[in-house]
Full PDB file with SEQRES, HELIX, SHEET, SSBOND, CRYST1, ORIGX, SCALE, CONECT and MASTER records, all heavy atoms in Angstrom:
SEQRES   1 A   38  ILE LEU SER ILE SER SER LEU THR VAL LEU ILE CYS SER          
SEQRES   2 A   38  ILE LEU MET PHE VAL ALA SER LEU VAL SER LYS LYS THR          
SEQRES   3 A   38  ILE SER ASP ARG GLU LYS LEU SER PRO PHE GLU CYS              
HELIX    1 AA1 LEU A    2  SER A   23  1                                  22    
HELIX    2 AA2 ARG A   30  LEU A   33  1                                   4    
CRYST1    1.000    1.000    1.000  90.00  90.00  90.00 P 1           1          
ORIGX1      1.000000  0.000000  0.000000        0.00000                         
ORIGX2      0.000000  1.000000  0.000000        0.00000                         
ORIGX3      0.000000  0.000000  1.000000        0.00000                         
SCALE1      1.000000  0.000000  0.000000        0.00000                         
SCALE2      0.000000  1.000000  0.000000        0.00000                         
SCALE3      0.000000  0.000000  1.000000        0.00000                         
ATOM      1  N   ILE A   1       6.842  -2.590  25.864  1.00  0.00           N  
ATOM      2  CA  ILE A   1       6.317  -1.465  25.087  1.00  0.00           C  
ATOM      3  C   ILE A   1       6.908  -1.465  23.693  1.00  0.00           C  
ATOM      4  O   ILE A   1       6.212  -1.236  22.700  1.00  0.00           O  
ATOM      5  CB  ILE A   1       6.614  -0.135  25.811  1.00  0.00           C  
ATOM      6  CG1 ILE A   1       5.833  -0.074  27.124  1.00  0.00           C  
ATOM      7  CG2 ILE A   1       6.258   1.057  24.935  1.00  0.00           C  
ATOM      8  CD1 ILE A   1       6.180   1.104  27.977  1.00  0.00           C  
ATOM      9  N   LEU A   2       8.204  -1.762  23.590  1.00  0.00           N  
ATOM     10  CA  LEU A   2       8.863  -1.800  22.284  1.00  0.00           C  
ATOM     11  C   LEU A   2       8.310  -2.930  21.427  1.00  0.00           C  
ATOM     12  O   LEU A   2       8.093  -2.761  20.235  1.00  0.00           O  
ATOM     13  CB  LEU A   2      10.378  -1.962  22.470  1.00  0.00           C  
ATOM     14  CG  LEU A   2      11.224  -1.912  21.220  1.00  0.00           C  
ATOM     15  CD1 LEU A   2      11.086  -0.558  20.552  1.00  0.00           C  
ATOM     16  CD2 LEU A   2      12.667  -2.190  21.559  1.00  0.00           C  
ATOM     17  N   SER A   3       8.057  -4.083  22.035  1.00  0.00           N  
ATOM     18  CA  SER A   3       7.535  -5.207  21.257  1.00  0.00           C  
ATOM     19  C   SER A   3       6.078  -4.960  20.837  1.00  0.00           C  
ATOM     20  O   SER A   3       5.678  -5.367  19.750  1.00  0.00           O  
ATOM     21  CB  SER A   3       7.653  -6.506  22.050  1.00  0.00           C  
ATOM     22  OG  SER A   3       6.848  -6.460  23.212  1.00  0.00           O  
ATOM     23  N   ILE A   4       5.287  -4.308  21.684  1.00  0.00           N  
ATOM     24  CA  ILE A   4       3.898  -4.014  21.331  1.00  0.00           C  
ATOM     25  C   ILE A   4       3.855  -3.006  20.179  1.00  0.00           C  
ATOM     26  O   ILE A   4       3.082  -3.160  19.232  1.00  0.00           O  
ATOM     27  CB  ILE A   4       3.113  -3.488  22.556  1.00  0.00           C  
ATOM     28  CG1 ILE A   4       2.894  -4.627  23.554  1.00  0.00           C  
ATOM     29  CG2 ILE A   4       1.771  -2.896  22.141  1.00  0.00           C  
ATOM     30  CD1 ILE A   4       2.265  -4.198  24.846  1.00  0.00           C  
ATOM     31  N   SER A   5       4.698  -1.982  20.232  1.00  0.00           N  
ATOM     32  CA  SER A   5       4.704  -1.003  19.151  1.00  0.00           C  
ATOM     33  C   SER A   5       5.229  -1.619  17.853  1.00  0.00           C  
ATOM     34  O   SER A   5       4.731  -1.316  16.769  1.00  0.00           O  
ATOM     35  CB  SER A   5       5.531   0.223  19.537  1.00  0.00           C  
ATOM     36  OG  SER A   5       6.874  -0.155  19.764  1.00  0.00           O  
ATOM     37  N   SER A   6       6.208  -2.508  17.946  1.00  0.00           N  
ATOM     38  CA  SER A   6       6.704  -3.185  16.747  1.00  0.00           C  
ATOM     39  C   SER A   6       5.634  -4.087  16.157  1.00  0.00           C  
ATOM     40  O   SER A   6       5.475  -4.161  14.934  1.00  0.00           O  
ATOM     41  CB  SER A   6       7.943  -4.013  17.071  1.00  0.00           C  
ATOM     42  OG  SER A   6       8.969  -3.204  17.564  1.00  0.00           O  
ATOM     43  N   LEU A   7       4.894  -4.761  17.015  1.00  0.00           N  
ATOM     44  CA  LEU A   7       3.812  -5.626  16.556  1.00  0.00           C  
ATOM     45  C   LEU A   7       2.704  -4.795  15.897  1.00  0.00           C  
ATOM     46  O   LEU A   7       2.155  -5.199  14.863  1.00  0.00           O  
ATOM     47  CB  LEU A   7       3.254  -6.432  17.735  1.00  0.00           C  
ATOM     48  CG  LEU A   7       2.169  -7.451  17.404  1.00  0.00           C  
ATOM     49  CD1 LEU A   7       2.740  -8.540  16.507  1.00  0.00           C  
ATOM     50  CD2 LEU A   7       1.600  -8.039  18.669  1.00  0.00           C  
ATOM     51  N   THR A   8       2.410  -3.649  16.459  1.00  0.00           N  
ATOM     52  CA  THR A   8       1.394  -2.775  15.880  1.00  0.00           C  
ATOM     53  C   THR A   8       1.810  -2.286  14.500  1.00  0.00           C  
ATOM     54  O   THR A   8       1.000  -2.272  13.564  1.00  0.00           O  
ATOM     55  CB  THR A   8       1.142  -1.571  16.811  1.00  0.00           C  
ATOM     56  OG1 THR A   8       0.801  -2.040  18.105  1.00  0.00           O  
ATOM     57  CG2 THR A   8       0.043  -0.679  16.271  1.00  0.00           C  
ATOM     58  N   VAL A   9       3.057  -1.884  14.347  1.00  0.00           N  
ATOM     59  CA  VAL A   9       3.559  -1.440  13.053  1.00  0.00           C  
ATOM     60  C   VAL A   9       3.519  -2.583  12.046  1.00  0.00           C  
ATOM     61  O   VAL A   9       3.145  -2.393  10.882  1.00  0.00           O  
ATOM     62  CB  VAL A   9       4.993  -0.863  13.186  1.00  0.00           C  
ATOM     63  CG1 VAL A   9       5.638  -0.655  11.835  1.00  0.00           C  
ATOM     64  CG2 VAL A   9       4.969   0.429  13.972  1.00  0.00           C  
ATOM     65  N   LEU A  10       3.879  -3.772  12.460  1.00  0.00           N  
ATOM     66  CA  LEU A  10       3.871  -4.933  11.573  1.00  0.00           C  
ATOM     67  C   LEU A  10       2.449  -5.262  11.118  1.00  0.00           C  
ATOM     68  O   LEU A  10       2.207  -5.494   9.930  1.00  0.00           O  
ATOM     69  CB  LEU A  10       4.502  -6.142  12.270  1.00  0.00           C  
ATOM     70  CG  LEU A  10       4.560  -7.423  11.458  1.00  0.00           C  
ATOM     71  CD1 LEU A  10       5.531  -7.251  10.297  1.00  0.00           C  
ATOM     72  CD2 LEU A  10       4.968  -8.584  12.336  1.00  0.00           C  
ATOM     73  N   ILE A  11       1.502  -5.244  12.039  1.00  0.00           N  
ATOM     74  CA  ILE A  11       0.114  -5.544  11.684  1.00  0.00           C  
ATOM     75  C   ILE A  11      -0.447  -4.488  10.738  1.00  0.00           C  
ATOM     76  O   ILE A  11      -1.113  -4.808   9.750  1.00  0.00           O  
ATOM     77  CB  ILE A  11      -0.753  -5.674  12.961  1.00  0.00           C  
ATOM     78  CG1 ILE A  11      -0.387  -6.962  13.703  1.00  0.00           C  
ATOM     79  CG2 ILE A  11      -2.243  -5.675  12.622  1.00  0.00           C  
ATOM     80  CD1 ILE A  11      -1.048  -7.095  15.051  1.00  0.00           C  
ATOM     81  N   CYS A  12      -0.147  -3.208  11.005  1.00  0.00           N  
ATOM     82  CA  CYS A  12      -0.627  -2.140  10.123  1.00  0.00           C  
ATOM     83  C   CYS A  12      -0.014  -2.261   8.733  1.00  0.00           C  
ATOM     84  O   CYS A  12      -0.695  -2.042   7.726  1.00  0.00           O  
ATOM     85  CB  CYS A  12      -0.303  -0.778  10.728  1.00  0.00           C  
ATOM     86  SG  CYS A  12      -1.313  -0.378  12.152  1.00  0.00           S  
ATOM     87  N   SER A  13       1.256  -2.611   8.666  1.00  0.00           N  
ATOM     88  CA  SER A  13       1.915  -2.770   7.366  1.00  0.00           C  
ATOM     89  C   SER A  13       1.304  -3.918   6.572  1.00  0.00           C  
ATOM     90  O   SER A  13       1.068  -3.801   5.368  1.00  0.00           O  
ATOM     91  CB  SER A  13       3.406  -3.015   7.555  1.00  0.00           C  
ATOM     92  OG  SER A  13       4.018  -1.941   8.204  1.00  0.00           O  
ATOM     93  N   ILE A  14       1.039  -5.019   7.242  1.00  0.00           N  
ATOM     94  CA  ILE A  14       0.431  -6.168   6.569  1.00  0.00           C  
ATOM     95  C   ILE A  14      -0.973  -5.819   6.086  1.00  0.00           C  
ATOM     96  O   ILE A  14      -1.352  -6.150   4.957  1.00  0.00           O  
ATOM     97  CB  ILE A  14       0.420  -7.400   7.508  1.00  0.00           C  
ATOM     98  CG1 ILE A  14       1.842  -7.917   7.714  1.00  0.00           C  
ATOM     99  CG2 ILE A  14      -0.473  -8.504   6.954  1.00  0.00           C  
ATOM    100  CD1 ILE A  14       1.970  -8.996   8.767  1.00  0.00           C  
ATOM    101  N   LEU A  15      -1.755  -5.118   6.918  1.00  0.00           N  
ATOM    102  CA  LEU A  15      -3.105  -4.722   6.514  1.00  0.00           C  
ATOM    103  C   LEU A  15      -3.085  -3.770   5.328  1.00  0.00           C  
ATOM    104  O   LEU A  15      -3.901  -3.892   4.405  1.00  0.00           O  
ATOM    105  CB  LEU A  15      -3.833  -4.075   7.686  1.00  0.00           C  
ATOM    106  CG  LEU A  15      -4.379  -5.031   8.733  1.00  0.00           C  
ATOM    107  CD1 LEU A  15      -4.969  -4.254   9.892  1.00  0.00           C  
ATOM    108  CD2 LEU A  15      -5.404  -5.964   8.132  1.00  0.00           C  
ATOM    109  N   MET A  16      -2.151  -2.828   5.304  1.00  0.00           N  
ATOM    110  CA  MET A  16      -2.062  -1.905   4.165  1.00  0.00           C  
ATOM    111  C   MET A  16      -1.648  -2.636   2.901  1.00  0.00           C  
ATOM    112  O   MET A  16      -2.157  -2.352   1.810  1.00  0.00           O  
ATOM    113  CB  MET A  16      -1.076  -0.780   4.480  1.00  0.00           C  
ATOM    114  CG  MET A  16      -1.634   0.258   5.419  1.00  0.00           C  
ATOM    115  SD  MET A  16      -0.623   1.723   5.570  1.00  0.00           S  
ATOM    116  CE  MET A  16       0.766   1.111   6.482  1.00  0.00           C  
ATOM    117  N   PHE A  17      -0.752  -3.605   3.015  1.00  0.00           N  
ATOM    118  CA  PHE A  17      -0.320  -4.377   1.848  1.00  0.00           C  
ATOM    119  C   PHE A  17      -1.470  -5.213   1.297  1.00  0.00           C  
ATOM    120  O   PHE A  17      -1.709  -5.252   0.089  1.00  0.00           O  
ATOM    121  CB  PHE A  17       0.872  -5.265   2.216  1.00  0.00           C  
ATOM    122  CG  PHE A  17       1.367  -6.097   1.082  1.00  0.00           C  
ATOM    123  CD1 PHE A  17       2.042  -5.520   0.024  1.00  0.00           C  
ATOM    124  CD2 PHE A  17       1.134  -7.465   1.063  1.00  0.00           C  
ATOM    125  CE1 PHE A  17       2.495  -6.294  -1.035  1.00  0.00           C  
ATOM    126  CE2 PHE A  17       1.575  -8.246   0.016  1.00  0.00           C  
ATOM    127  CZ  PHE A  17       2.264  -7.657  -1.038  1.00  0.00           C  
ATOM    128  N   VAL A  18      -2.199  -5.867   2.183  1.00  0.00           N  
ATOM    129  CA  VAL A  18      -3.339  -6.685   1.745  1.00  0.00           C  
ATOM    130  C   VAL A  18      -4.424  -5.805   1.132  1.00  0.00           C  
ATOM    131  O   VAL A  18      -5.014  -6.153   0.104  1.00  0.00           O  
ATOM    132  CB  VAL A  18      -3.882  -7.521   2.929  1.00  0.00           C  
ATOM    133  CG1 VAL A  18      -5.213  -8.164   2.595  1.00  0.00           C  
ATOM    134  CG2 VAL A  18      -2.875  -8.582   3.338  1.00  0.00           C  
ATOM    135  N   ALA A  19      -4.668  -4.642   1.724  1.00  0.00           N  
ATOM    136  CA  ALA A  19      -5.686  -3.728   1.173  1.00  0.00           C  
ATOM    137  C   ALA A  19      -5.285  -3.231  -0.205  1.00  0.00           C  
ATOM    138  O   ALA A  19      -6.131  -3.100  -1.086  1.00  0.00           O  
ATOM    139  CB  ALA A  19      -5.896  -2.559   2.123  1.00  0.00           C  
ATOM    140  N   SER A  20      -3.998  -2.966  -0.418  1.00  0.00           N  
ATOM    141  CA  SER A  20      -3.574  -2.510  -1.746  1.00  0.00           C  
ATOM    142  C   SER A  20      -3.674  -3.621  -2.778  1.00  0.00           C  
ATOM    143  O   SER A  20      -3.971  -3.366  -3.944  1.00  0.00           O  
ATOM    144  CB  SER A  20      -2.149  -1.962  -1.685  1.00  0.00           C  
ATOM    145  OG  SER A  20      -1.230  -3.012  -1.475  1.00  0.00           O  
ATOM    146  N   LEU A  21      -3.449  -4.861  -2.369  1.00  0.00           N  
ATOM    147  CA  LEU A  21      -3.599  -5.974  -3.307  1.00  0.00           C  
ATOM    148  C   LEU A  21      -5.061  -6.211  -3.666  1.00  0.00           C  
ATOM    149  O   LEU A  21      -5.390  -6.498  -4.817  1.00  0.00           O  
ATOM    150  CB  LEU A  21      -3.007  -7.259  -2.718  1.00  0.00           C  
ATOM    151  CG  LEU A  21      -1.484  -7.354  -2.676  1.00  0.00           C  
ATOM    152  CD1 LEU A  21      -1.059  -8.659  -2.028  1.00  0.00           C  
ATOM    153  CD2 LEU A  21      -0.891  -7.223  -4.055  1.00  0.00           C  
ATOM    154  N   VAL A  22      -5.935  -6.111  -2.676  1.00  0.00           N  
ATOM    155  CA  VAL A  22      -7.351  -6.374  -2.901  1.00  0.00           C  
ATOM    156  C   VAL A  22      -7.987  -5.259  -3.729  1.00  0.00           C  
ATOM    157  O   VAL A  22      -8.845  -5.503  -4.579  1.00  0.00           O  
ATOM    158  CB  VAL A  22      -8.077  -6.531  -1.545  1.00  0.00           C  
ATOM    159  CG1 VAL A  22      -9.575  -6.566  -1.720  1.00  0.00           C  
ATOM    160  CG2 VAL A  22      -7.596  -7.786  -0.848  1.00  0.00           C  
ATOM    161  N   SER A  23      -7.560  -4.017  -3.529  1.00  0.00           N  
ATOM    162  CA  SER A  23      -8.223  -2.883  -4.181  1.00  0.00           C  
ATOM    163  C   SER A  23      -7.748  -2.619  -5.601  1.00  0.00           C  
ATOM    164  O   SER A  23      -8.333  -1.789  -6.282  1.00  0.00           O  
ATOM    165  CB  SER A  23      -8.018  -1.625  -3.347  1.00  0.00           C  
ATOM    166  OG  SER A  23      -6.653  -1.249  -3.384  1.00  0.00           O  
ATOM    167  N   LYS A  24      -6.729  -3.273  -6.065  1.00  0.00           N  
ATOM    168  CA  LYS A  24      -6.238  -3.028  -7.419  1.00  0.00           C  
ATOM    169  C   LYS A  24      -7.213  -3.575  -8.450  1.00  0.00           C  
ATOM    170  O   LYS A  24      -7.665  -4.707  -8.373  1.00  0.00           O  
ATOM    171  CB  LYS A  24      -4.865  -3.665  -7.623  1.00  0.00           C  
ATOM    172  CG  LYS A  24      -3.762  -2.911  -6.979  1.00  0.00           C  
ATOM    173  CD  LYS A  24      -2.429  -3.465  -7.376  1.00  0.00           C  
ATOM    174  CE  LYS A  24      -1.330  -2.680  -6.710  1.00  0.00           C  
ATOM    175  NZ  LYS A  24      -0.024  -3.204  -6.972  1.00  0.00           N  
ATOM    176  N   LYS A  25      -7.496  -2.731  -9.411  1.00  0.00           N  
ATOM    177  CA  LYS A  25      -8.350  -3.155 -10.514  1.00  0.00           C  
ATOM    178  C   LYS A  25      -7.454  -3.292 -11.734  1.00  0.00           C  
ATOM    179  O   LYS A  25      -6.967  -2.307 -12.273  1.00  0.00           O  
ATOM    180  CB  LYS A  25      -9.452  -2.141 -10.746  1.00  0.00           C  
ATOM    181  CG  LYS A  25     -10.391  -2.037  -9.578  1.00  0.00           C  
ATOM    182  CD  LYS A  25     -11.453  -1.013  -9.807  1.00  0.00           C  
ATOM    183  CE  LYS A  25     -12.345  -0.961  -8.580  1.00  0.00           C  
ATOM    184  NZ  LYS A  25     -13.317   0.096  -8.662  1.00  0.00           N  
ATOM    185  N   THR A  26      -7.258  -4.492 -12.168  1.00  0.00           N  
ATOM    186  CA  THR A  26      -6.330  -4.730 -13.271  1.00  0.00           C  
ATOM    187  C   THR A  26      -7.029  -4.793 -14.619  1.00  0.00           C  
ATOM    188  O   THR A  26      -6.369  -4.906 -15.634  1.00  0.00           O  
ATOM    189  CB  THR A  26      -5.564  -6.053 -13.046  1.00  0.00           C  
ATOM    190  OG1 THR A  26      -6.508  -7.114 -12.900  1.00  0.00           O  
ATOM    191  CG2 THR A  26      -4.705  -5.957 -11.800  1.00  0.00           C  
ATOM    192  N   ILE A  27      -8.348  -4.706 -14.623  1.00  0.00           N  
ATOM    193  CA  ILE A  27      -9.069  -4.745 -15.882  1.00  0.00           C  
ATOM    194  C   ILE A  27      -9.054  -3.346 -16.488  1.00  0.00           C  
ATOM    195  O   ILE A  27      -9.570  -2.394 -15.910  1.00  0.00           O  
ATOM    196  CB  ILE A  27     -10.528  -5.208 -15.683  1.00  0.00           C  
ATOM    197  CG1 ILE A  27     -10.560  -6.597 -15.064  1.00  0.00           C  
ATOM    198  CG2 ILE A  27     -11.287  -5.170 -16.991  1.00  0.00           C  
ATOM    199  CD1 ILE A  27     -11.936  -7.035 -14.641  1.00  0.00           C  
ATOM    200  N   SER A  28      -8.429  -3.212 -17.644  1.00  0.00           N  
ATOM    201  CA  SER A  28      -8.401  -1.916 -18.308  1.00  0.00           C  
ATOM    202  C   SER A  28      -8.672  -2.133 -19.791  1.00  0.00           C  
ATOM    203  O   SER A  28      -8.102  -3.002 -20.426  1.00  0.00           O  
ATOM    204  CB  SER A  28      -7.057  -1.224 -18.096  1.00  0.00           C  
ATOM    205  OG  SER A  28      -6.010  -2.042 -18.545  1.00  0.00           O  
ATOM    206  N   ASP A  29      -9.577  -1.348 -20.301  1.00  0.00           N  
ATOM    207  CA  ASP A  29      -9.902  -1.434 -21.722  1.00  0.00           C  
ATOM    208  C   ASP A  29      -9.763  -0.048 -22.350  1.00  0.00           C  
ATOM    209  O   ASP A  29      -9.391   0.920 -21.694  1.00  0.00           O  
ATOM    210  CB  ASP A  29     -11.303  -2.007 -21.932  1.00  0.00           C  
ATOM    211  CG  ASP A  29     -12.371  -1.215 -21.209  1.00  0.00           C  
ATOM    212  OD1 ASP A  29     -12.019  -0.241 -20.524  1.00  0.00           O  
ATOM    213  OD2 ASP A  29     -13.554  -1.555 -21.347  1.00  0.00           O  
ATOM    214  N   ARG A  30     -10.078   0.067 -23.617  1.00  0.00           N  
ATOM    215  CA  ARG A  30      -9.892   1.308 -24.347  1.00  0.00           C  
ATOM    216  C   ARG A  30     -10.781   2.424 -23.808  1.00  0.00           C  
ATOM    217  O   ARG A  30     -10.374   3.574 -23.732  1.00  0.00           O  
ATOM    218  CB  ARG A  30     -10.186   1.078 -25.827  1.00  0.00           C  
ATOM    219  CG  ARG A  30      -9.831   2.251 -26.718  1.00  0.00           C  
ATOM    220  CD  ARG A  30     -10.107   1.941 -28.164  1.00  0.00           C  
ATOM    221  NE  ARG A  30     -11.518   1.856 -28.479  1.00  0.00           N  
ATOM    222  CZ  ARG A  30     -12.278   2.906 -28.788  1.00  0.00           C  
ATOM    223  NH1 ARG A  30     -11.761   4.107 -28.809  1.00  0.00           N  
ATOM    224  NH2 ARG A  30     -13.547   2.751 -29.076  1.00  0.00           N  
ATOM    225  N   GLU A  31     -11.990   2.089 -23.394  1.00  0.00           N  
ATOM    226  CA  GLU A  31     -12.917   3.101 -22.899  1.00  0.00           C  
ATOM    227  C   GLU A  31     -12.460   3.679 -21.562  1.00  0.00           C  
ATOM    228  O   GLU A  31     -12.597   4.872 -21.313  1.00  0.00           O  
ATOM    229  CB  GLU A  31     -14.319   2.510 -22.754  1.00  0.00           C  
ATOM    230  CG  GLU A  31     -14.989   2.179 -24.062  1.00  0.00           C  
ATOM    231  CD  GLU A  31     -15.230   3.427 -24.895  1.00  0.00           C  
ATOM    232  OE1 GLU A  31     -15.555   4.477 -24.325  1.00  0.00           O  
ATOM    233  OE2 GLU A  31     -15.079   3.338 -26.120  1.00  0.00           O  
ATOM    234  N   LYS A  32     -11.903   2.836 -20.705  1.00  0.00           N  
ATOM    235  CA  LYS A  32     -11.470   3.325 -19.403  1.00  0.00           C  
ATOM    236  C   LYS A  32     -10.170   4.114 -19.491  1.00  0.00           C  
ATOM    237  O   LYS A  32      -9.907   4.970 -18.655  1.00  0.00           O  
ATOM    238  CB  LYS A  32     -11.297   2.167 -18.427  1.00  0.00           C  
ATOM    239  CG  LYS A  32     -12.606   1.594 -17.964  1.00  0.00           C  
ATOM    240  CD  LYS A  32     -12.405   0.584 -16.886  1.00  0.00           C  
ATOM    241  CE  LYS A  32     -13.744   0.044 -16.418  1.00  0.00           C  
ATOM    242  NZ  LYS A  32     -13.597  -0.924 -15.352  1.00  0.00           N  
ATOM    243  N   LEU A  33      -9.356   3.845 -20.474  1.00  0.00           N  
ATOM    244  CA  LEU A  33      -8.094   4.546 -20.616  1.00  0.00           C  
ATOM    245  C   LEU A  33      -8.225   5.852 -21.379  1.00  0.00           C  
ATOM    246  O   LEU A  33      -7.312   6.674 -21.368  1.00  0.00           O  
ATOM    247  CB  LEU A  33      -7.064   3.647 -21.306  1.00  0.00           C  
ATOM    248  CG  LEU A  33      -6.632   2.415 -20.501  1.00  0.00           C  
ATOM    249  CD1 LEU A  33      -5.673   1.571 -21.314  1.00  0.00           C  
ATOM    250  CD2 LEU A  33      -5.994   2.835 -19.191  1.00  0.00           C  
ATOM    251  N   SER A  34      -9.340   6.081 -22.055  1.00  0.00           N  
ATOM    252  CA  SER A  34      -9.518   7.311 -22.814  1.00  0.00           C  
ATOM    253  C   SER A  34     -10.047   8.411 -21.897  1.00  0.00           C  
ATOM    254  O   SER A  34     -10.783   8.144 -20.956  1.00  0.00           O  
ATOM    255  CB  SER A  34     -10.486   7.089 -23.973  1.00  0.00           C  
ATOM    256  OG  SER A  34     -11.772   6.838 -23.483  1.00  0.00           O  
ATOM    257  N   PRO A  35      -9.678   9.673 -22.164  1.00  0.00           N  
ATOM    258  CA  PRO A  35     -10.180  10.772 -21.330  1.00  0.00           C  
ATOM    259  C   PRO A  35     -11.669  10.989 -21.560  1.00  0.00           C  
ATOM    260  O   PRO A  35     -12.182  10.770 -22.651  1.00  0.00           O  
ATOM    261  CB  PRO A  35      -9.357  11.976 -21.788  1.00  0.00           C  
ATOM    262  CG  PRO A  35      -8.880  11.618 -23.149  1.00  0.00           C  
ATOM    263  CD  PRO A  35      -8.745  10.128 -23.189  1.00  0.00           C  
ATOM    264  N   PHE A  36     -12.347  11.429 -20.524  1.00  0.00           N  
ATOM    265  CA  PHE A  36     -13.793  11.657 -20.591  1.00  0.00           C  
ATOM    266  C   PHE A  36     -14.065  13.147 -20.648  1.00  0.00           C  
ATOM    267  O   PHE A  36     -13.625  13.900 -19.787  1.00  0.00           O  
ATOM    268  CB  PHE A  36     -14.475  11.048 -19.370  1.00  0.00           C  
ATOM    269  CG  PHE A  36     -15.952  11.254 -19.357  1.00  0.00           C  
ATOM    270  CD1 PHE A  36     -16.768  10.554 -20.220  1.00  0.00           C  
ATOM    271  CD2 PHE A  36     -16.524  12.154 -18.483  1.00  0.00           C  
ATOM    272  CE1 PHE A  36     -18.139  10.735 -20.221  1.00  0.00           C  
ATOM    273  CE2 PHE A  36     -17.892  12.357 -18.463  1.00  0.00           C  
ATOM    274  CZ  PHE A  36     -18.693  11.635 -19.342  1.00  0.00           C  
ATOM    275  N   GLU A  37     -14.774  13.597 -21.675  1.00  0.00           N  
ATOM    276  CA  GLU A  37     -15.127  15.003 -21.815  1.00  0.00           C  
ATOM    277  C   GLU A  37     -16.637  15.128 -22.008  1.00  0.00           C  
ATOM    278  O   GLU A  37     -17.130  15.390 -23.099  1.00  0.00           O  
ATOM    279  CB  GLU A  37     -14.387  15.630 -22.993  1.00  0.00           C  
ATOM    280  CG  GLU A  37     -12.894  15.709 -22.777  1.00  0.00           C  
ATOM    281  CD  GLU A  37     -12.188  16.445 -23.906  1.00  0.00           C  
ATOM    282  OE1 GLU A  37     -12.875  17.033 -24.761  1.00  0.00           O  
ATOM    283  OE2 GLU A  37     -10.963  16.425 -23.932  1.00  0.00           O  
ATOM    284  N   CYS A  38     -17.394  14.887 -20.984  1.00  0.00           N  
ATOM    285  CA  CYS A  38     -18.851  15.058 -20.987  1.00  0.00           C  
ATOM    286  C   CYS A  38     -19.538  14.233 -22.070  1.00  0.00           C  
ATOM    287  O   CYS A  38     -20.505  14.680 -22.689  1.00  0.00           O  
ATOM    288  CB  CYS A  38     -19.214  16.534 -21.131  1.00  0.00           C  
ATOM    289  SG  CYS A  38     -18.589  17.543 -19.801  1.00  0.00           S  
TER     290      CYS A  38                                                      
MASTER        0    0    0    2    0    0    0    6  289    1    0    3          
END                                                                             
């Protein structure tokens, strides 16, 4: 039970790390950094 729960935590941590790497948008320009007011 301890090894299964440790494995589950490890898999979830790896999935969250990979998801954060994939979802990052590093392209930023002047228009995206400026505030939008209608």
